[in-house]
Amino acid sequence: MLCTNSARLLNSNKGQLALRYTPPTSAPKYNPSTKNLIITWDVFMQGYRTINADNCQLISIIPDDDSFWDYFTEKLTSMTPSQKTAFMSV
């Protein structure tokens, strides 16, 4: 999955338009950190996801500056659904 918790990206005009980010309307009814969970914005699915930090592997980090938007424009926007699925299956 490709996800972010960067307020800088998500709250930007581009984040709201290109990533379809919407701020949360309420907090979860549980404490995610007690279960080692991370609530994050899924860039491909364009929605919130909860991931278990015990079962995830960080593959790479993209800075939350113009380099993200360059990557987004050059690589992600032209991906087909099957390419996105392959990307998420790494």
Protein backbone atom coordinates (compact mmCIF):
# COMPACT_ATOMS: atom_id res chain seq x y z
CA MET A 1 0.00 0.00 0.00
CA LEU A 2 1.06 3.58 -0.43
CA CYS A 3 -0.04 5.66 2.53
CA THR A 4 0.66 8.89 4.34
CA ASN A 5 -0.06 10.68 7.56
CA SER A 6 1.61 13.86 6.37
CA ALA A 7 -0.65 16.79 7.23
CA ARG A 8 1.48 18.85 4.85
CA LEU A 9 0.45 16.65 1.91
CA LEU A 10 -3.08 15.83 2.93
CA ASN A 11 -4.19 19.33 3.88
CA SER A 12 -2.68 20.94 0.79
CA ASN A 13 -4.88 21.91 -2.16
CA LYS A 14 -3.28 19.13 -4.20
CA GLY A 15 -3.89 16.65 -1.39
CA GLN A 16 -7.55 17.50 -1.19
CA LEU A 17 -7.98 17.38 -4.96
CA ALA A 18 -5.62 14.65 -6.19
CA LEU A 19 -5.76 12.38 -3.13
CA ARG A 20 -9.40 13.21 -2.33
CA TYR A 21 -8.42 13.70 1.28
CA THR A 22 -11.14 14.53 3.76
CA PRO A 23 -10.30 15.28 7.40
CA PRO A 24 -11.67 12.85 9.97
CA THR A 25 -15.01 13.73 11.53
CA SER A 26 -14.45 11.79 14.75
CA ALA A 27 -11.84 9.83 16.64
CA PRO A 28 -12.01 6.03 16.78
CA LYS A 29 -13.88 4.52 19.71
CA TYR A 30 -10.70 2.75 20.79
CA ASN A 31 -7.07 3.65 21.35
CA PRO A 32 -5.18 2.40 18.26
CA SER A 33 -1.76 2.63 19.90
CA THR A 34 -2.72 0.09 22.60
CA LYS A 35 -3.27 -2.43 19.82
CA ASN A 36 -0.19 -1.27 17.83
CA LEU A 37 -2.42 0.00 15.04
CA ILE A 38 -1.80 2.96 12.76
CA ILE A 39 -4.60 4.91 11.12
CA THR A 40 -3.38 6.28 7.81
CA TRP A 41 -4.57 7.67 4.49
CA ASP A 42 -4.35 5.13 1.66
CA VAL A 43 -3.28 7.01 -1.48
CA PHE A 44 -4.63 4.42 -3.94
CA MET A 45 -7.89 3.66 -2.19
CA GLN A 46 -8.30 7.32 -1.21
CA GLY A 47 -9.61 6.59 2.23
CA TYR A 48 -8.57 5.81 5.79
CA ARG A 49 -7.05 2.44 6.59
CA THR A 50 -5.99 0.90 9.86
CA ILE A 51 -2.83 -1.16 9.63
CA ASN A 52 -1.24 -3.43 12.20
CA ALA A 53 2.30 -2.22 12.84
CA ASP A 54 3.27 -5.75 13.91
CA ASN A 55 2.63 -7.06 10.40
CA CYS A 56 3.92 -4.35 8.11
CA GLN A 57 7.20 -3.77 6.37
CA LEU A 58 8.35 -0.31 5.35
CA ILE A 59 9.79 -0.53 1.86
CA SER A 60 10.53 3.10 1.09
CA ILE A 61 9.85 6.66 2.14
CA ILE A 62 8.96 9.49 -0.19
CA PRO A 63 9.49 12.98 1.26
CA ASP A 64 6.34 15.08 1.75
CA ASP A 65 7.54 17.87 -0.52
CA ASP A 66 7.52 18.48 -4.26
CA SER A 67 9.32 15.17 -4.81
CA PHE A 68 6.13 13.37 -3.73
CA TRP A 69 4.06 15.30 -6.25
CA ASP A 70 6.66 14.62 -8.96
CA TYR A 71 6.46 10.89 -8.15
CA PHE A 72 2.67 11.05 -8.01
CA THR A 73 2.43 12.78 -11.40
CA GLU A 74 5.13 10.81 -13.19
CA LYS A 75 4.47 7.32 -11.83
CA LEU A 76 1.13 6.95 -10.09
CA THR A 77 -1.41 8.86 -12.16
CA SER A 78 -0.73 6.76 -15.25
CA MET A 79 -0.97 3.38 -13.48
CA THR A 80 -3.66 0.99 -14.58
CA PRO A 81 -5.74 -0.84 -11.96
CA SER A 82 -3.68 -3.99 -12.50
CA GLN A 83 -0.42 -2.04 -12.06
CA LYS A 84 -1.76 -0.60 -8.79
CA THR A 85 -2.65 -4.10 -7.64
CA ALA A 86 0.85 -5.32 -8.50
CA PHE A 87 2.35 -2.33 -6.66
CA MET A 88 0.36 -3.18 -3.53
CA SER A 89 1.35 -6.86 -3.72
CA VAL A 90 5.07 -6.22 -3.14
